Amino acid sequence: MDNKALKNKVIITAAVTGAWPKKENNPNVPMTPQEIADDVYACWKAGAAIAHLHMRDENGDGTMDTAKFEETVNLIHTKYPDCDIILNLTTSGDIHADDEIRVAHVKKLKPEMASYDCGSMNWLHSGLFINSPKFLTDCGLLFQETNTKPEIEAFDPGMIGNAAYYIKKGVLKTPVHFQFCMGCANGIPGTMKNLIFMKETADELVGKGNYTWSCFGVGHSAMEMLYGAVALGGGIRVGMEDNVMYAKGQLAESNVQFVERAARVIREYGNEVATPAEAREMLGLKAR
């Protein structure tokens, strides 16, 4: 498929669980490998091309347990063999995990995509989210070995600058893929002005044509970022990792509800929802 045919395609990523929301925040948040696998399949049927996966332990806390990732991935592949969704595994599901544990599942499972958080920051006003230069170097080189596309999560413009540095060092290969994380506590606020600034920063530091991008908005910025992403030509991430409320005063019934809304907005704007096969072409994912 040529680039012209893909021009109006928009990639939807479903971030179905994350590391923090629990059943008490929303009883519909999937927690177990079975619940996550079922949710991923339902989101795929609704139009999601990518599933961004976190795992939970028996207490519902975020974990980087390789066995949990392996069980969930196997469930998706065996229970739903027709599902060709792209799996994007987090490397940041537990801020207390050491660097080796954070990438152990990538070494074993060799996913098509995995998160690459391009800098350190305060986290939720309560702790530190550390991504040291050594970790980012080792992680980027590991992803090259496992044929895994980094999803570069940028919580502020400085992280885009970090990505440009690692591109120059050969740790990251262009075209890279950014996830602009908007409205997170301790990160850049989720406004249209700031989304444009993030994109312009990537244009300047990485170069037009050298990257693709998506974004999400946390809390009240969710809808502004959804509309903004579609208007500016990016992809959109939705799901209960980022929002447990579907609207003010209304708990989300499912992750599918978010995916269906994103698909409606995309189509009403005059674009089309990208299939996983189209998303693979747009992102330059290598055949396996």
Protein backbone atom coordinates (compact mmCIF):
# COMPACT_ATOMS: atom_id res chain seq x y z
CA MET A 1 0.00 0.00 0.00
CA ASP A 2 1.42 3.39 -0.96
CA ASN A 3 1.74 6.36 1.38
CA LYS A 4 -1.12 8.17 -0.35
CA ALA A 5 -3.52 5.36 0.54
CA LEU A 6 -2.44 5.60 4.19
CA LYS A 7 -2.63 9.40 4.41
CA ASN A 8 -6.05 9.54 6.07
CA LYS A 9 -5.61 6.48 8.27
CA VAL A 10 -5.53 7.05 12.03
CA ILE A 11 -4.09 4.54 14.49
CA ILE A 12 -6.04 3.89 17.69
CA THR A 13 -4.09 2.50 20.66
CA ALA A 14 -6.03 0.94 23.52
CA ALA A 15 -4.30 1.29 26.90
CA VAL A 16 -6.56 -1.05 28.79
CA THR A 17 -5.31 -1.16 32.37
CA GLY A 18 -2.17 0.81 33.25
CA ALA A 19 -0.48 0.50 36.63
CA TRP A 20 -2.63 2.60 38.94
CA PRO A 21 -6.45 2.46 38.57
CA LYS A 22 -8.02 -0.28 40.67
CA LYS A 23 -11.46 -1.84 40.92
CA GLU A 24 -12.40 0.69 43.58
CA ASN A 25 -11.71 3.47 41.07
CA ASN A 26 -13.74 1.69 38.40
CA PRO A 27 -14.98 -1.91 38.75
CA ASN A 28 -14.61 -2.37 34.98
CA VAL A 29 -10.80 -2.01 34.93
CA PRO A 30 -9.33 -5.33 33.70
CA MET A 31 -6.79 -6.81 36.12
CA THR A 32 -6.11 -10.48 35.46
CA PRO A 33 -4.41 -11.86 32.34
CA GLN A 34 -7.77 -13.31 31.24
CA GLU A 35 -9.60 -10.01 31.75
CA ILE A 36 -6.88 -8.10 29.90
CA ALA A 37 -6.84 -10.58 27.00
CA ASP A 38 -10.62 -10.43 26.65
CA ASP A 39 -10.55 -6.63 26.74
CA VAL A 40 -7.80 -6.45 24.11
CA TYR A 41 -9.82 -8.63 21.77
CA ALA A 42 -12.95 -6.54 22.26
CA CYS A 43 -10.98 -3.34 21.61
CA TRP A 44 -9.48 -4.86 18.45
CA LYS A 45 -12.97 -5.66 17.17
CA ALA A 46 -13.96 -2.05 17.89
CA GLY A 47 -11.07 -0.62 15.86
CA ALA A 48 -7.90 -0.58 17.97
CA ALA A 49 -4.75 -1.41 16.00
CA ILE A 50 -2.40 -1.40 19.02
CA ALA A 51 -2.86 -2.64 22.58
CA HIS A 52 -0.59 -1.10 25.22
CA LEU A 53 -0.26 -3.61 28.04
CA HIS A 54 0.53 -3.35 31.74
CA MET A 55 0.25 -6.20 34.23
CA ARG A 56 -1.14 -6.39 37.76
CA ASP A 57 -0.18 -8.55 40.71
CA GLU A 58 -2.60 -10.38 43.02
CA ASN A 59 -3.20 -7.15 44.98
CA GLY A 60 -4.00 -5.19 41.84
CA ASP A 61 -0.72 -3.27 41.90
CA GLY A 62 1.43 -2.73 38.82
CA THR A 63 4.04 -5.42 38.23
CA MET A 64 6.76 -6.21 35.71
CA ASP A 65 6.42 -9.96 36.28
CA THR A 66 7.49 -11.65 33.03
CA ALA A 67 5.20 -14.61 33.70
CA LYS A 68 2.17 -12.29 33.77
CA PHE A 69 3.13 -10.76 30.42
CA GLU A 70 3.75 -14.20 28.93
CA GLU A 71 0.43 -15.56 30.16
CA THR A 72 -1.49 -12.57 28.80
CA VAL A 73 0.23 -12.58 25.41
CA ASN A 74 -0.31 -16.34 25.06
CA LEU A 75 -3.99 -15.97 25.94
CA ILE A 76 -4.46 -13.33 23.26
CA HIS A 77 -2.74 -15.48 20.63
CA THR A 78 -4.33 -18.81 21.54
CA LYS A 79 -7.87 -17.82 22.58
CA TYR A 80 -8.22 -15.28 19.78
CA PRO A 81 -6.14 -16.54 16.81
CA ASP A 82 -7.95 -14.16 14.44
CA CYS A 83 -6.74 -11.12 16.40
CA ASP A 84 -3.82 -9.43 14.63
CA ILE A 85 -3.57 -6.45 16.99
CA ILE A 86 -0.07 -5.05 17.61
CA LEU A 87 1.06 -5.70 21.17
CA ASN A 88 2.97 -2.88 22.84
CA LEU A 89 4.33 -3.98 26.21
CA THR A 90 5.23 -1.47 28.89
CA THR A 91 8.70 -1.31 30.41
CA SER A 92 7.42 1.01 33.14
CA GLY A 93 4.75 -0.87 35.03
CA ASP A 94 6.39 -0.60 38.45
CA ILE A 95 8.58 2.37 39.44
CA HIS A 96 10.28 0.18 42.05
CA ALA A 97 11.44 -2.46 39.55
CA ASP A 98 15.14 -2.52 38.69
CA ASP A 99 16.40 -2.04 35.15
CA GLU A 100 16.88 -5.75 34.44
CA ILE A 101 13.36 -6.69 35.53
CA ARG A 102 11.91 -3.88 33.44
CA VAL A 103 13.14 -5.46 30.20
CA ALA A 104 13.15 -9.17 31.05
CA HIS A 105 9.82 -9.73 29.27
CA VAL A 106 11.11 -7.94 26.16
CA LYS A 107 14.09 -10.30 25.99
CA LYS A 108 11.83 -13.33 26.30
CA LEU A 109 8.76 -12.34 24.28
CA LYS A 110 10.34 -10.03 21.66
CA PRO A 111 7.17 -7.95 21.19
CA GLU A 112 6.51 -5.85 18.12
CA MET A 113 6.49 -2.70 20.26
CA ALA A 114 7.44 -1.69 23.80
CA SER A 115 7.45 1.57 25.69
CA TYR A 116 10.60 3.69 25.94
CA ASP A 117 10.22 6.51 28.46
CA CYS A 118 12.77 9.04 27.31
CA GLY A 119 13.71 10.76 30.56
CA SER A 120 13.23 10.87 34.33
CA MET A 121 10.60 12.83 36.24
CA ASN A 122 8.66 13.14 39.48
CA TRP A 123 5.74 10.72 39.42
CA LEU A 124 2.24 11.56 40.67
CA HIS A 125 3.74 13.98 43.21
CA SER A 126 4.77 10.98 45.28
CA GLY A 127 7.88 9.32 43.85
CA LEU A 128 10.57 9.30 41.19
CA PHE A 129 10.28 7.74 37.74
CA ILE A 130 13.91 7.07 36.83
CA ASN A 131 15.09 6.36 33.30
CA SER A 132 18.86 6.76 33.50
CA PRO A 133 21.09 7.36 30.47
CA LYS A 134 22.48 3.84 30.88
CA PHE A 135 19.00 2.32 30.96
CA LEU A 136 17.89 4.27 27.90
CA THR A 137 21.02 3.25 26.00
CA ASP A 138 20.77 -0.41 26.97
CA CYS A 139 17.03 -0.47 26.35
CA GLY A 140 17.32 1.09 22.88
CA LEU A 141 20.04 -1.35 21.83
CA LEU A 142 18.05 -4.29 23.22
CA PHE A 143 15.03 -3.25 21.17
CA GLN A 144 17.19 -3.33 18.05
CA GLU A 145 18.28 -6.89 18.92
CA THR A 146 14.71 -8.08 19.55
CA ASN A 147 13.27 -6.26 16.51
CA THR A 148 11.00 -4.27 18.84
CA LYS A 149 9.77 -0.81 17.84
CA PRO A 150 10.20 1.70 20.71
CA GLU A 151 7.13 3.69 21.60
CA ILE A 152 8.90 6.82 22.85
CA GLU A 153 6.76 8.22 25.64
CA ALA A 154 7.42 11.93 26.01
CA PHE A 155 5.93 13.65 29.05
CA ASP A 156 7.51 17.01 28.22
CA PRO A 157 9.50 18.59 25.36
CA GLY A 158 12.83 17.75 27.02
CA MET A 159 12.16 14.08 26.44
CA ILE A 160 11.86 14.78 22.71
CA GLY A 161 15.31 16.36 22.96
CA ASN A 162 16.57 13.23 24.70
CA ALA A 163 15.18 11.13 21.86
CA ALA A 164 17.00 13.30 19.32
CA TYR A 165 20.23 12.69 21.25
CA TYR A 166 19.77 8.91 21.20
CA ILE A 167 18.96 9.03 17.49
CA LYS A 168 22.31 10.75 16.87
CA LYS A 169 24.04 8.11 19.00
CA GLY A 170 22.46 5.28 17.00
CA VAL A 171 20.53 3.99 20.00
CA LEU A 172 17.22 4.84 18.31
CA LYS A 173 16.60 4.37 14.60
CA THR A 174 14.41 6.64 12.49
CA PRO A 175 11.61 6.81 11.77
CA VAL A 176 10.84 6.79 15.49
CA HIS A 177 7.37 6.72 17.03
CA PHE A 178 6.36 9.17 19.77
CA GLN A 179 3.56 8.94 22.27
CA PHE A 180 2.96 12.48 23.56
CA CYS A 181 1.74 12.01 27.14
CA MET A 182 -0.45 15.01 27.87
CA GLY A 183 -2.02 16.11 31.12
CA CYS A 184 -0.15 13.68 33.40
CA ALA A 185 0.74 14.85 36.88
CA ASN A 186 4.27 16.35 36.76
CA GLY A 187 4.19 16.39 32.95
CA ILE A 188 3.17 18.94 30.33
CA PRO A 189 -0.48 20.05 30.67
CA GLY A 190 -2.88 18.66 28.10
CA THR A 191 -3.85 21.66 26.00
CA MET A 192 -4.01 22.16 22.24
CA LYS A 193 -1.32 24.82 22.49
CA ASN A 194 1.01 22.38 24.22
CA LEU A 195 0.24 19.54 21.80
CA ILE A 196 1.17 21.79 18.89
CA PHE A 197 4.35 22.76 20.76
CA MET A 198 5.27 19.08 21.27
CA LYS A 199 4.77 18.38 17.57
CA GLU A 200 6.74 21.47 16.54
CA THR A 201 9.56 20.43 18.88
CA ALA A 202 9.68 17.00 17.24
CA ASP A 203 9.65 18.65 13.80
CA GLU A 204 12.62 20.81 14.77
CA LEU A 205 14.72 18.29 16.71
CA VAL A 206 13.92 15.01 14.96
CA GLY A 207 12.77 16.28 11.58
CA LYS A 208 9.55 15.98 9.60
CA GLY A 209 9.37 12.58 7.99
CA ASN A 210 11.63 11.05 10.65
CA TYR A 211 8.85 10.24 13.09
CA THR A 212 5.24 9.25 13.56
CA TRP A 213 3.25 10.21 16.61
CA SER A 214 0.24 9.61 18.78
CA CYS A 215 -1.01 11.23 21.97
CA PHE A 216 -3.37 10.84 24.86
CA GLY A 217 -4.89 13.16 27.42
CA VAL A 218 -5.43 12.36 31.08
CA GLY A 219 -8.58 13.49 32.84
CA HIS A 220 -10.28 16.60 31.55
CA SER A 221 -7.78 16.94 28.69
CA ALA A 222 -8.85 13.63 27.10
CA MET A 223 -11.33 15.02 24.59
CA GLU A 224 -9.18 18.00 23.62
CA MET A 225 -6.29 15.64 22.87
CA LEU A 226 -8.56 13.27 20.94
CA TYR A 227 -9.80 16.04 18.68
CA GLY A 228 -6.34 17.61 18.51
CA ALA A 229 -4.63 14.41 17.45
CA VAL A 230 -7.11 13.82 14.64
CA ALA A 231 -6.89 17.44 13.47
CA LEU A 232 -3.07 17.46 13.50
CA GLY A 233 -2.64 14.10 11.77
CA GLY A 234 -1.53 11.92 14.67
CA GLY A 235 -2.74 8.74 16.25
CA ILE A 236 -4.75 8.59 19.44
CA ARG A 237 -4.45 6.49 22.60
CA VAL A 238 -7.52 5.86 24.74
CA GLY A 239 -8.45 3.57 27.59
CA MET A 240 -8.71 3.13 31.32
CA GLU A 241 -4.98 3.46 31.90
CA ASP A 242 -5.49 7.16 31.25
CA ASN A 243 -9.12 7.73 32.26
CA VAL A 244 -11.56 5.72 34.35
CA MET A 245 -14.30 8.28 33.64
CA TYR A 246 -15.98 8.29 30.24
CA ALA A 247 -17.43 11.73 30.89
CA LYS A 248 -17.86 14.01 33.87
CA GLY A 249 -19.67 12.05 36.55
CA GLN A 250 -19.87 8.92 34.37
CA LEU A 251 -17.66 5.89 34.97
CA ALA A 252 -16.46 4.14 31.84
CA GLU A 253 -18.31 0.90 31.18
CA SER A 254 -15.41 -0.63 29.26
CA ASN A 255 -12.32 0.17 27.24
CA VAL A 256 -14.38 -0.58 24.13
CA GLN A 257 -16.46 2.49 24.93
CA PHE A 258 -13.36 4.68 24.53
CA VAL A 259 -12.26 2.96 21.32
CA GLU A 260 -15.71 3.29 19.78
CA ARG A 261 -15.80 7.01 20.56
CA ALA A 262 -12.34 7.53 19.04
CA ALA A 263 -13.42 5.64 15.92
CA ARG A 264 -16.53 7.83 15.60
CA VAL A 265 -14.50 11.03 15.88
CA ILE A 266 -12.01 9.81 13.29
CA ARG A 267 -14.74 8.91 10.81
CA GLU A 268 -16.77 12.05 11.41
CA TYR A 269 -13.65 14.10 10.70
CA GLY A 270 -13.45 12.39 7.32
CA ASN A 271 -10.60 9.99 8.07
CA GLU A 272 -10.50 6.22 8.44
CA VAL A 273 -9.50 3.96 11.31
CA ALA A 274 -6.25 2.13 10.56
CA THR A 275 -6.27 -1.65 10.67
CA PRO A 276 -3.37 -3.43 12.39
CA ALA A 277 -1.92 -4.28 8.97
CA GLU A 278 -2.08 -0.63 7.93
CA ALA A 279 -0.62 0.46 11.27
CA ARG A 280 2.31 -1.91 10.77
CA GLU A 281 3.01 -0.30 7.42
CA MET A 282 2.67 3.22 8.81
CA LEU A 283 5.04 2.44 11.69
CA GLY A 284 7.55 0.52 9.59
CA LEU A 285 7.24 -2.63 11.65
CA LYS A 286 9.36 -5.38 10.19
CA ALA A 287 7.86 -8.65 9.04
CA ARG A 288 8.26 -11.52 11.50
